[in-house]
Amino acid sequence: KPRIKAFLGRPGTLWFLFLFNGAAAAVMYFAMSGLDRYIGSG
């Protein structure tokens, strides 16, 4: 959708998504176990 696409293309939004999801992936990798660890962090 145009409004969502414009929001997701803003540099501030992209930086937030990059940093937050990268940190969440690292935390998920160390906090979870089994297949959930790899799927979630991946």
PDB file of all heavy atoms in Angstrom:
ATOM      1  N   LYS A   1       0.858  -1.187   0.000  1.00  0.00           N
ATOM      2  CA  LYS A   1       0.000   0.000   0.000  1.00  0.00           C
ATOM      3  C   LYS A   1       0.896   1.240   0.000  1.00  0.00           C
ATOM      4  O   LYS A   1       1.937   1.274   0.654  1.00  0.00           O
ATOM      5  CB  LYS A   1      -0.915  -0.027   1.210  1.00  0.00           C
ATOM      6  CG  LYS A   1      -1.777  -1.275   1.252  1.00  0.00           C
ATOM      7  CD  LYS A   1      -3.170  -0.936   1.587  1.00  0.00           C
ATOM      8  CE  LYS A   1      -4.030  -2.167   1.530  1.00  0.00           C
ATOM      9  NZ  LYS A   1      -4.879  -2.163   0.386  1.00  0.00           N
ATOM     10  N   PRO A   2       0.516   2.292  -0.750  1.00  0.00           N
ATOM     11  CA  PRO A   2       1.403   3.448  -0.931  1.00  0.00           C
ATOM     12  C   PRO A   2       1.852   4.127   0.362  1.00  0.00           C
ATOM     13  O   PRO A   2       3.024   4.466   0.505  1.00  0.00           O
ATOM     14  CB  PRO A   2       0.579   4.405  -1.791  1.00  0.00           C
ATOM     15  CG  PRO A   2      -0.444   3.564  -2.451  1.00  0.00           C
ATOM     16  CD  PRO A   2      -0.699   2.404  -1.546  1.00  0.00           C
ATOM     17  N   ARG A   3       0.950   4.321   1.309  1.00  0.00           N
ATOM     18  CA  ARG A   3       1.332   5.021   2.544  1.00  0.00           C
ATOM     19  C   ARG A   3       2.273   4.175   3.386  1.00  0.00           C
ATOM     20  O   ARG A   3       3.230   4.686   3.973  1.00  0.00           O
ATOM     21  CB  ARG A   3       0.091   5.395   3.339  1.00  0.00           C
ATOM     22  CG  ARG A   3      -0.745   6.448   2.624  1.00  0.00           C
ATOM     23  CD  ARG A   3      -1.998   6.778   3.363  1.00  0.00           C
ATOM     24  NE  ARG A   3      -1.663   7.552   4.553  1.00  0.00           N
ATOM     25  CZ  ARG A   3      -2.540   7.858   5.485  1.00  0.00           C
ATOM     26  NH1 ARG A   3      -3.781   7.463   5.389  1.00  0.00           N
ATOM     27  NH2 ARG A   3      -2.170   8.570   6.527  1.00  0.00           N
ATOM     28  N   ILE A   4       2.028   2.877   3.448  1.00  0.00           N
ATOM     29  CA  ILE A   4       2.899   1.981   4.218  1.00  0.00           C
ATOM     30  C   ILE A   4       4.252   1.856   3.523  1.00  0.00           C
ATOM     31  O   ILE A   4       5.306   1.869   4.162  1.00  0.00           O
ATOM     32  CB  ILE A   4       2.247   0.598   4.395  1.00  0.00           C
ATOM     33  CG1 ILE A   4       0.903   0.702   5.114  1.00  0.00           C
ATOM     34  CG2 ILE A   4       3.167  -0.358   5.112  1.00  0.00           C
ATOM     35  CD1 ILE A   4       0.982   1.179   6.534  1.00  0.00           C
ATOM     36  N   LYS A   5       4.228   1.768   2.201  1.00  0.00           N
ATOM     37  CA  LYS A   5       5.464   1.659   1.432  1.00  0.00           C
ATOM     38  C   LYS A   5       6.336   2.899   1.627  1.00  0.00           C
ATOM     39  O   LYS A   5       7.559   2.790   1.783  1.00  0.00           O
ATOM     40  CB  LYS A   5       5.127   1.462  -0.043  1.00  0.00           C
ATOM     41  CG  LYS A   5       6.270   1.023  -0.883  1.00  0.00           C
ATOM     42  CD  LYS A   5       5.790   0.677  -2.274  1.00  0.00           C
ATOM     43  CE  LYS A   5       6.886   0.084  -3.100  1.00  0.00           C
ATOM     44  NZ  LYS A   5       6.441  -0.312  -4.416  1.00  0.00           N
ATOM     45  N   ALA A   6       5.711   4.067   1.640  1.00  0.00           N
ATOM     46  CA  ALA A   6       6.465   5.304   1.859  1.00  0.00           C
ATOM     47  C   ALA A   6       7.058   5.339   3.267  1.00  0.00           C
ATOM     48  O   ALA A   6       8.205   5.754   3.463  1.00  0.00           O
ATOM     49  CB  ALA A   6       5.564   6.514   1.632  1.00  0.00           C
ATOM     50  N   PHE A   7       6.291   4.876   4.253  1.00  0.00           N
ATOM     51  CA  PHE A   7       6.782   4.843   5.632  1.00  0.00           C
ATOM     52  C   PHE A   7       7.948   3.878   5.773  1.00  0.00           C
ATOM     53  O   PHE A   7       8.953   4.194   6.416  1.00  0.00           O
ATOM     54  CB  PHE A   7       5.642   4.460   6.586  1.00  0.00           C
ATOM     55  CG  PHE A   7       6.092   4.241   7.996  1.00  0.00           C
ATOM     56  CD1 PHE A   7       6.464   5.315   8.787  1.00  0.00           C
ATOM     57  CD2 PHE A   7       6.161   2.970   8.526  1.00  0.00           C
ATOM     58  CE1 PHE A   7       6.888   5.116  10.086  1.00  0.00           C
ATOM     59  CE2 PHE A   7       6.584   2.761   9.816  1.00  0.00           C
ATOM     60  CZ  PHE A   7       6.951   3.839  10.612  1.00  0.00           C
ATOM     61  N   LEU A   8       7.830   2.710   5.167  1.00  0.00           N
ATOM     62  CA  LEU A   8       8.889   1.708   5.285  1.00  0.00           C
ATOM     63  C   LEU A   8      10.142   2.095   4.507  1.00  0.00           C
ATOM     64  O   LEU A   8      11.220   1.554   4.756  1.00  0.00           O
ATOM     65  CB  LEU A   8       8.388   0.349   4.792  1.00  0.00           C
ATOM     66  CG  LEU A   8       7.347  -0.324   5.683  1.00  0.00           C
ATOM     67  CD1 LEU A   8       6.821  -1.580   5.016  1.00  0.00           C
ATOM     68  CD2 LEU A   8       7.912  -0.627   7.048  1.00  0.00           C
ATOM     69  N   GLY A   9      10.032   3.029   3.567  1.00  0.00           N
ATOM     70  CA  GLY A   9      11.185   3.453   2.789  1.00  0.00           C
ATOM     71  C   GLY A   9      11.952   4.614   3.397  1.00  0.00           C
ATOM     72  O   GLY A   9      13.013   4.989   2.890  1.00  0.00           O
ATOM     73  N   ARG A  10      11.438   5.186   4.490  1.00  0.00           N
ATOM     74  CA  ARG A  10      12.140   6.303   5.129  1.00  0.00           C
ATOM     75  C   ARG A  10      13.412   5.814   5.809  1.00  0.00           C
ATOM     76  O   ARG A  10      13.443   4.723   6.393  1.00  0.00           O
ATOM     77  CB  ARG A  10      11.233   6.960   6.170  1.00  0.00           C
ATOM     78  CG  ARG A  10      10.078   7.690   5.555  1.00  0.00           C
ATOM     79  CD  ARG A  10       9.126   8.291   6.558  1.00  0.00           C
ATOM     80  NE  ARG A  10       9.811   8.789   7.737  1.00  0.00           N
ATOM     81  CZ  ARG A  10       9.233   8.880   8.923  1.00  0.00           C
ATOM     82  NH1 ARG A  10       7.996   8.504   9.095  1.00  0.00           N
ATOM     83  NH2 ARG A  10       9.903   9.339   9.957  1.00  0.00           N
ATOM     84  N   PRO A  11      14.483   6.598   5.753  1.00  0.00           N
ATOM     85  CA  PRO A  11      15.745   6.161   6.360  1.00  0.00           C
ATOM     86  C   PRO A  11      15.640   5.872   7.862  1.00  0.00           C
ATOM     87  O   PRO A  11      16.220   4.906   8.346  1.00  0.00           O
ATOM     88  CB  PRO A  11      16.702   7.328   6.100  1.00  0.00           C
ATOM     89  CG  PRO A  11      16.142   8.024   4.923  1.00  0.00           C
ATOM     90  CD  PRO A  11      14.661   7.846   4.994  1.00  0.00           C
ATOM     91  N   GLY A  12      14.893   6.676   8.591  1.00  0.00           N
ATOM     92  CA  GLY A  12      14.743   6.437  10.027  1.00  0.00           C
ATOM     93  C   GLY A  12      14.070   5.104  10.316  1.00  0.00           C
ATOM     94  O   GLY A  12      14.469   4.370  11.235  1.00  0.00           O
ATOM     95  N   THR A  13      13.061   4.775   9.541  1.00  0.00           N
ATOM     96  CA  THR A  13      12.369   3.497   9.712  1.00  0.00           C
ATOM     97  C   THR A  13      13.304   2.345   9.366  1.00  0.00           C
ATOM     98  O   THR A  13      13.338   1.333  10.070  1.00  0.00           O
ATOM     99  CB  THR A  13      11.115   3.448   8.821  1.00  0.00           C
ATOM    100  OG1 THR A  13      10.299   4.576   9.092  1.00  0.00           O
ATOM    101  CG2 THR A  13      10.330   2.189   9.047  1.00  0.00           C
ATOM    102  N   LEU A  14      14.060   2.492   8.297  1.00  0.00           N
ATOM    103  CA  LEU A  14      14.985   1.427   7.899  1.00  0.00           C
ATOM    104  C   LEU A  14      16.082   1.215   8.940  1.00  0.00           C
ATOM    105  O   LEU A  14      16.464   0.078   9.228  1.00  0.00           O
ATOM    106  CB  LEU A  14      15.585   1.743   6.529  1.00  0.00           C
ATOM    107  CG  LEU A  14      14.619   1.634   5.357  1.00  0.00           C
ATOM    108  CD1 LEU A  14      15.272   2.158   4.086  1.00  0.00           C
ATOM    109  CD2 LEU A  14      14.161   0.201   5.169  1.00  0.00           C
ATOM    110  N   TRP A  15      16.603   2.304   9.510  1.00  0.00           N
ATOM    111  CA  TRP A  15      17.617   2.167  10.558  1.00  0.00           C
ATOM    112  C   TRP A  15      17.034   1.451  11.775  1.00  0.00           C
ATOM    113  O   TRP A  15      17.689   0.587  12.366  1.00  0.00           O
ATOM    114  CB  TRP A  15      18.175   3.524  10.971  1.00  0.00           C
ATOM    115  CG  TRP A  15      19.322   3.959  10.118  1.00  0.00           C
ATOM    116  CD1 TRP A  15      19.339   4.951   9.193  1.00  0.00           C
ATOM    117  CD2 TRP A  15      20.631   3.387  10.088  1.00  0.00           C
ATOM    118  NE1 TRP A  15      20.568   5.026   8.592  1.00  0.00           N
ATOM    119  CE2 TRP A  15      21.378   4.091   9.132  1.00  0.00           C
ATOM    120  CE3 TRP A  15      21.238   2.348  10.786  1.00  0.00           C
ATOM    121  CZ2 TRP A  15      22.707   3.776   8.859  1.00  0.00           C
ATOM    122  CZ3 TRP A  15      22.561   2.049  10.503  1.00  0.00           C
ATOM    123  CH2 TRP A  15      23.279   2.765   9.545  1.00  0.00           C
ATOM    124  N   PHE A  16      15.808   1.829  12.164  1.00  0.00           N
ATOM    125  CA  PHE A  16      15.173   1.167  13.297  1.00  0.00           C
ATOM    126  C   PHE A  16      14.999  -0.323  13.019  1.00  0.00           C
ATOM    127  O   PHE A  16      15.321  -1.161  13.866  1.00  0.00           O
ATOM    128  CB  PHE A  16      13.817   1.803  13.608  1.00  0.00           C
ATOM    129  CG  PHE A  16      13.041   1.042  14.642  1.00  0.00           C
ATOM    130  CD1 PHE A  16      13.372   1.146  15.971  1.00  0.00           C
ATOM    131  CD2 PHE A  16      12.004   0.198  14.275  1.00  0.00           C
ATOM    132  CE1 PHE A  16      12.676   0.426  16.940  1.00  0.00           C
ATOM    133  CE2 PHE A  16      11.307  -0.528  15.222  1.00  0.00           C
ATOM    134  CZ  PHE A  16      11.641  -0.405  16.558  1.00  0.00           C
ATOM    135  N   LEU A  17      14.477  -0.671  11.835  1.00  0.00           N
ATOM    136  CA  LEU A  17      14.274  -2.073  11.500  1.00  0.00           C
ATOM    137  C   LEU A  17      15.591  -2.843  11.479  1.00  0.00           C
ATOM    138  O   LEU A  17      15.666  -3.978  11.950  1.00  0.00           O
ATOM    139  CB  LEU A  17      13.574  -2.202  10.147  1.00  0.00           C
ATOM    140  CG  LEU A  17      12.104  -1.808  10.111  1.00  0.00           C
ATOM    141  CD1 LEU A  17      11.597  -1.791   8.683  1.00  0.00           C
ATOM    142  CD2 LEU A  17      11.283  -2.740  10.968  1.00  0.00           C
ATOM    143  N   PHE A  18      16.634  -2.225  10.946  1.00  0.00           N
ATOM    144  CA  PHE A  18      17.938  -2.878  10.877  1.00  0.00           C
ATOM    145  C   PHE A  18      18.485  -3.156  12.283  1.00  0.00           C
ATOM    146  O   PHE A  18      18.844  -4.289  12.606  1.00  0.00           O
ATOM    147  CB  PHE A  18      18.915  -2.014  10.083  1.00  0.00           C
ATOM    148  CG  PHE A  18      20.337  -2.476  10.160  1.00  0.00           C
ATOM    149  CD1 PHE A  18      20.706  -3.714   9.686  1.00  0.00           C
ATOM    150  CD2 PHE A  18      21.309  -1.663  10.718  1.00  0.00           C
ATOM    151  CE1 PHE A  18      22.030  -4.151   9.762  1.00  0.00           C
ATOM    152  CE2 PHE A  18      22.622  -2.087  10.796  1.00  0.00           C
ATOM    153  CZ  PHE A  18      22.978  -3.334  10.324  1.00  0.00           C
ATOM    154  N   LEU A  19      18.502  -2.139  13.129  1.00  0.00           N
ATOM    155  CA  LEU A  19      19.095  -2.298  14.459  1.00  0.00           C
ATOM    156  C   LEU A  19      18.239  -3.166  15.382  1.00  0.00           C
ATOM    157  O   LEU A  19      18.744  -4.061  16.063  1.00  0.00           O
ATOM    158  CB  LEU A  19      19.332  -0.918  15.085  1.00  0.00           C
ATOM    159  CG  LEU A  19      20.354  -0.047  14.363  1.00  0.00           C
ATOM    160  CD1 LEU A  19      20.380   1.347  14.954  1.00  0.00           C
ATOM    161  CD2 LEU A  19      21.729  -0.684  14.405  1.00  0.00           C
ATOM    162  N   PHE A  20      16.933  -2.898  15.419  1.00  0.00           N
ATOM    163  CA  PHE A  20      16.053  -3.640  16.312  1.00  0.00           C
ATOM    164  C   PHE A  20      15.989  -5.119  15.944  1.00  0.00           C
ATOM    165  O   PHE A  20      16.116  -5.990  16.811  1.00  0.00           O
ATOM    166  CB  PHE A  20      14.639  -3.034  16.300  1.00  0.00           C
ATOM    167  CG  PHE A  20      13.678  -3.754  17.186  1.00  0.00           C
ATOM    168  CD1 PHE A  20      13.681  -3.520  18.544  1.00  0.00           C
ATOM    169  CD2 PHE A  20      12.792  -4.676  16.665  1.00  0.00           C
ATOM    170  CE1 PHE A  20      12.807  -4.196  19.381  1.00  0.00           C
ATOM    171  CE2 PHE A  20      11.912  -5.352  17.490  1.00  0.00           C
ATOM    172  CZ  PHE A  20      11.917  -5.113  18.850  1.00  0.00           C
ATOM    173  N   ASN A  21      15.806  -5.419  14.675  1.00  0.00           N
ATOM    174  CA  ASN A  21      15.687  -6.815  14.265  1.00  0.00           C
ATOM    175  C   ASN A  21      17.022  -7.545  14.340  1.00  0.00           C
ATOM    176  O   ASN A  21      17.056  -8.745  14.613  1.00  0.00           O
ATOM    177  CB  ASN A  21      15.088  -6.912  12.864  1.00  0.00           C
ATOM    178  CG  ASN A  21      13.612  -6.584  12.892  1.00  0.00           C
ATOM    179  OD1 ASN A  21      12.842  -7.221  13.580  1.00  0.00           O
ATOM    180  ND2 ASN A  21      13.219  -5.564  12.153  1.00  0.00           N
ATOM    181  N   GLY A  22      18.119  -6.827  14.119  1.00  0.00           N
ATOM    182  CA  GLY A  22      19.432  -7.449  14.297  1.00  0.00           C
ATOM    183  C   GLY A  22      19.675  -7.810  15.755  1.00  0.00           C
ATOM    184  O   GLY A  22      20.163  -8.908  16.064  1.00  0.00           O
ATOM    185  N   ALA A  23      19.314  -6.899  16.662  1.00  0.00           N
ATOM    186  CA  ALA A  23      19.464  -7.192  18.095  1.00  0.00           C
ATOM    187  C   ALA A  23      18.515  -8.312  18.518  1.00  0.00           C
ATOM    188  O   ALA A  23      18.893  -9.199  19.296  1.00  0.00           O
ATOM    189  CB  ALA A  23      19.196  -5.927  18.910  1.00  0.00           C
ATOM    190  N   ALA A  24      17.281  -8.288  18.004  1.00  0.00           N
ATOM    191  CA  ALA A  24      16.323  -9.343  18.344  1.00  0.00           C
ATOM    192  C   ALA A  24      16.806 -10.700  17.836  1.00  0.00           C
ATOM    193  O   ALA A  24      16.631 -11.718  18.517  1.00  0.00           O
ATOM    194  CB  ALA A  24      14.953  -9.012  17.766  1.00  0.00           C
ATOM    195  N   ALA A  25      17.413 -10.734  16.664  1.00  0.00           N
ATOM    196  CA  ALA A  25      17.941 -11.995  16.132  1.00  0.00           C
ATOM    197  C   ALA A  25      19.041 -12.541  17.031  1.00  0.00           C
ATOM    198  O   ALA A  25      19.082 -13.747  17.311  1.00  0.00           O
ATOM    199  CB  ALA A  25      18.465 -11.797  14.711  1.00  0.00           C
ATOM    200  N   ALA A  26      19.920 -11.660  17.503  1.00  0.00           N
ATOM    201  CA  ALA A  26      21.006 -12.108  18.385  1.00  0.00           C
ATOM    202  C   ALA A  26      20.454 -12.620  19.715  1.00  0.00           C
ATOM    203  O   ALA A  26      20.880 -13.680  20.207  1.00  0.00           O
ATOM    204  CB  ALA A  26      21.987 -10.961  18.619  1.00  0.00           C
ATOM    205  N   VAL A  27      19.494 -11.914  20.272  1.00  0.00           N
ATOM    206  CA  VAL A  27      18.901 -12.338  21.545  1.00  0.00           C
ATOM    207  C   VAL A  27      18.160 -13.659  21.373  1.00  0.00           C
ATOM    208  O   VAL A  27      18.269 -14.565  22.216  1.00  0.00           O
ATOM    209  CB  VAL A  27      17.965 -11.237  22.100  1.00  0.00           C
ATOM    210  CG1 VAL A  27      17.122 -11.751  23.241  1.00  0.00           C
ATOM    211  CG2 VAL A  27      18.772 -10.028  22.542  1.00  0.00           C
ATOM    212  N   MET A  28      17.415 -13.791  20.278  1.00  0.00           N
ATOM    213  CA  MET A  28      16.678 -15.037  20.039  1.00  0.00           C
ATOM    214  C   MET A  28      17.628 -16.219  19.876  1.00  0.00           C
ATOM    215  O   MET A  28      17.326 -17.330  20.335  1.00  0.00           O
ATOM    216  CB  MET A  28      15.791 -14.895  18.802  1.00  0.00           C
ATOM    217  CG  MET A  28      14.608 -13.997  19.008  1.00  0.00           C
ATOM    218  SD  MET A  28      13.711 -13.710  17.486  1.00  0.00           S
ATOM    219  CE  MET A  28      12.714 -15.183  17.431  1.00  0.00           C
ATOM    220  N   TYR A  29      18.740 -16.003  19.236  1.00  0.00           N
ATOM    221  CA  TYR A  29      19.687 -17.093  19.027  1.00  0.00           C
ATOM    222  C   TYR A  29      20.213 -17.626  20.363  1.00  0.00           C
ATOM    223  O   TYR A  29      20.365 -18.825  20.542  1.00  0.00           O
ATOM    224  CB  TYR A  29      20.846 -16.639  18.146  1.00  0.00           C
ATOM    225  CG  TYR A  29      21.824 -17.738  17.861  1.00  0.00           C
ATOM    226  CD1 TYR A  29      21.541 -18.706  16.902  1.00  0.00           C
ATOM    227  CD2 TYR A  29      23.009 -17.849  18.569  1.00  0.00           C
ATOM    228  CE1 TYR A  29      22.422 -19.742  16.645  1.00  0.00           C
ATOM    229  CE2 TYR A  29      23.898 -18.877  18.327  1.00  0.00           C
ATOM    230  CZ  TYR A  29      23.597 -19.814  17.361  1.00  0.00           C
ATOM    231  OH  TYR A  29      24.468 -20.844  17.121  1.00  0.00           O
ATOM    232  N   PHE A  30      20.495 -16.725  21.299  1.00  0.00           N
ATOM    233  CA  PHE A  30      21.054 -17.158  22.574  1.00  0.00           C
ATOM    234  C   PHE A  30      19.988 -17.533  23.597  1.00  0.00           C
ATOM    235  O   PHE A  30      20.250 -18.302  24.515  1.00  0.00           O
ATOM    236  CB  PHE A  30      21.975 -16.077  23.145  1.00  0.00           C
ATOM    237  CG  PHE A  30      23.220 -15.909  22.337  1.00  0.00           C
ATOM    238  CD1 PHE A  30      23.430 -14.767  21.598  1.00  0.00           C
ATOM    239  CD2 PHE A  30      24.179 -16.910  22.285  1.00  0.00           C
ATOM    240  CE1 PHE A  30      24.581 -14.606  20.826  1.00  0.00           C
ATOM    241  CE2 PHE A  30      25.330 -16.769  21.524  1.00  0.00           C
ATOM    242  CZ  PHE A  30      25.525 -15.616  20.801  1.00  0.00           C
ATOM    243  N   ALA A  31      18.765 -17.018  23.459  1.00  0.00           N
ATOM    244  CA  ALA A  31      17.727 -17.269  24.458  1.00  0.00           C
ATOM    245  C   ALA A  31      16.881 -18.501  24.147  1.00  0.00           C
ATOM    246  O   ALA A  31      16.267 -19.061  25.051  1.00  0.00           O
ATOM    247  CB  ALA A  31      16.819 -16.049  24.579  1.00  0.00           C
ATOM    248  N   MET A  32      16.819 -18.914  22.904  1.00  0.00           N
ATOM    249  CA  MET A  32      15.954 -20.034  22.524  1.00  0.00           C
ATOM    250  C   MET A  32      16.786 -21.289  22.292  1.00  0.00           C
ATOM    251  O   MET A  32      18.017 -21.231  22.266  1.00  0.00           O
ATOM    252  CB  MET A  32      15.170 -19.667  21.262  1.00  0.00           C
ATOM    253  CG  MET A  32      14.274 -18.462  21.446  1.00  0.00           C
ATOM    254  SD  MET A  32      13.524 -17.902  19.924  1.00  0.00           S
ATOM    255  CE  MET A  32      12.086 -18.935  19.900  1.00  0.00           C
ATOM    256  N   SER A  33      16.087 -22.403  22.116  1.00  0.00           N
ATOM    257  CA  SER A  33      16.793 -23.652  21.847  1.00  0.00           C
ATOM    258  C   SER A  33      16.059 -24.422  20.758  1.00  0.00           C
ATOM    259  O   SER A  33      14.917 -24.126  20.431  1.00  0.00           O
ATOM    260  CB  SER A  33      16.875 -24.503  23.115  1.00  0.00           C
ATOM    261  OG  SER A  33      15.571 -24.868  23.529  1.00  0.00           O
ATOM    262  N   GLY A  34      16.741 -25.388  20.217  1.00  0.00           N
ATOM    263  CA  GLY A  34      16.130 -26.242  19.209  1.00  0.00           C
ATOM    264  C   GLY A  34      15.933 -25.538  17.878  1.00  0.00           C
ATOM    265  O   GLY A  34      16.642 -24.592  17.520  1.00  0.00           O
ATOM    266  N   LEU A  35      14.946 -26.028  17.142  1.00  0.00           N
ATOM    267  CA  LEU A  35      14.650 -25.490  15.822  1.00  0.00           C
ATOM    268  C   LEU A  35      14.135 -24.055  15.890  1.00  0.00           C
ATOM    269  O   LEU A  35      14.404 -23.251  14.998  1.00  0.00           O
ATOM    270  CB  LEU A  35      13.616 -26.385  15.122  1.00  0.00           C
ATOM    271  CG  LEU A  35      13.285 -26.082  13.678  1.00  0.00           C
ATOM    272  CD1 LEU A  35      14.537 -26.194  12.818  1.00  0.00           C
ATOM    273  CD2 LEU A  35      12.222 -27.032  13.171  1.00  0.00           C
ATOM    274  N   ASP A  36      13.438 -23.715  16.982  1.00  0.00           N
ATOM    275  CA  ASP A  36      12.929 -22.346  17.151  1.00  0.00           C
ATOM    276  C   ASP A  36      14.064 -21.324  17.147  1.00  0.00           C
ATOM    277  O   ASP A  36      13.897 -20.209  16.663  1.00  0.00           O
ATOM    278  CB  ASP A  36      12.140 -22.220  18.455  1.00  0.00           C
ATOM    279  CG  ASP A  36      10.845 -23.003  18.442  1.00  0.00           C
ATOM    280  OD1 ASP A  36      10.384 -23.339  17.332  1.00  0.00           O
ATOM    281  OD2 ASP A  36      10.302 -23.264  19.526  1.00  0.00           O
ATOM    282  N   ARG A  37      15.200 -21.701  17.695  1.00  0.00           N
ATOM    283  CA  ARG A  37      16.348 -20.801  17.730  1.00  0.00           C
ATOM    284  C   ARG A  37      16.763 -20.388  16.322  1.00  0.00           C
ATOM    285  O   ARG A  37      16.949 -19.214  16.032  1.00  0.00           O
ATOM    286  CB  ARG A  37      17.511 -21.499  18.413  1.00  0.00           C
ATOM    287  CG  ARG A  37      18.861 -20.846  18.130  1.00  0.00           C
ATOM    288  CD  ARG A  37      20.002 -21.701  18.559  1.00  0.00           C
ATOM    289  NE  ARG A  37      20.213 -21.496  19.981  1.00  0.00           N
ATOM    290  CZ  ARG A  37      21.182 -22.056  20.675  1.00  0.00           C
ATOM    291  NH1 ARG A  37      22.013 -22.900  20.103  1.00  0.00           N
ATOM    292  NH2 ARG A  37      21.320 -21.817  21.942  1.00  0.00           N
ATOM    293  N   TYR A  38      16.872 -21.366  15.445  1.00  0.00           N
ATOM    294  CA  TYR A  38      17.355 -21.090  14.099  1.00  0.00           C
ATOM    295  C   TYR A  38      16.308 -20.410  13.230  1.00  0.00           C
ATOM    296  O   TYR A  38      16.633 -19.501  12.461  1.00  0.00           O
ATOM    297  CB  TYR A  38      17.856 -22.383  13.448  1.00  0.00           C
ATOM    298  CG  TYR A  38      18.960 -23.021  14.249  1.00  0.00           C
ATOM    299  CD1 TYR A  38      18.756 -24.224  14.909  1.00  0.00           C
ATOM    300  CD2 TYR A  38      20.191 -22.396  14.375  1.00  0.00           C
ATOM    301  CE1 TYR A  38      19.756 -24.793  15.659  1.00  0.00           C
ATOM    302  CE2 TYR A  38      21.197 -22.961  15.128  1.00  0.00           C
ATOM    303  CZ  TYR A  38      20.981 -24.152  15.770  1.00  0.00           C
ATOM    304  OH  TYR A  38      21.979 -24.707  16.522  1.00  0.00           O
ATOM    305  N   ILE A  39      15.077 -20.828  13.351  1.00  0.00           N
ATOM    306  CA  ILE A  39      14.017 -20.216  12.548  1.00  0.00           C
ATOM    307  C   ILE A  39      13.766 -18.791  12.998  1.00  0.00           C
ATOM    308  O   ILE A  39      13.714 -17.861  12.184  1.00  0.00           O
ATOM    309  CB  ILE A  39      12.725 -21.064  12.601  1.00  0.00           C
ATOM    310  CG1 ILE A  39      12.946 -22.364  11.845  1.00  0.00           C
ATOM    311  CG2 ILE A  39      11.550 -20.296  12.015  1.00  0.00           C
ATOM    312  CD1 ILE A  39      11.791 -23.326  11.910  1.00  0.00           C
ATOM    313  N   GLY A  40      13.628 -18.584  14.301  1.00  0.00           N
ATOM    314  CA  GLY A  40      13.352 -17.236  14.816  1.00  0.00           C
ATOM    315  C   GLY A  40      14.473 -16.253  14.542  1.00  0.00           C
ATOM    316  O   GLY A  40      14.255 -15.160  14.014  1.00  0.00           O
ATOM    317  N   SER A  41      15.691 -16.651  14.885  1.00  0.00           N
ATOM    318  CA  SER A  41      16.816 -15.729  14.678  1.00  0.00           C
ATOM    319  C   SER A  41      17.106 -15.551  13.191  1.00  0.00           C
ATOM    320  O   SER A  41      17.488 -14.463  12.755  1.00  0.00           O
ATOM    321  CB  SER A  41      18.059 -16.215  15.415  1.00  0.00           C
ATOM    322  OG  SER A  41      18.476 -17.461  14.919  1.00  0.00           O
ATOM    323  N   GLY A  42      16.881 -16.581  12.406  1.00  0.00           N
ATOM    324  CA  GLY A  42      17.098 -16.461  10.959  1.00  0.00           C
ATOM    325  C   GLY A  42      16.115 -15.499  10.312  1.00  0.00           C
ATOM    326  O   GLY A  42      16.496 -14.672   9.483  1.00  0.00           O
TER     327      GLY A  42
END
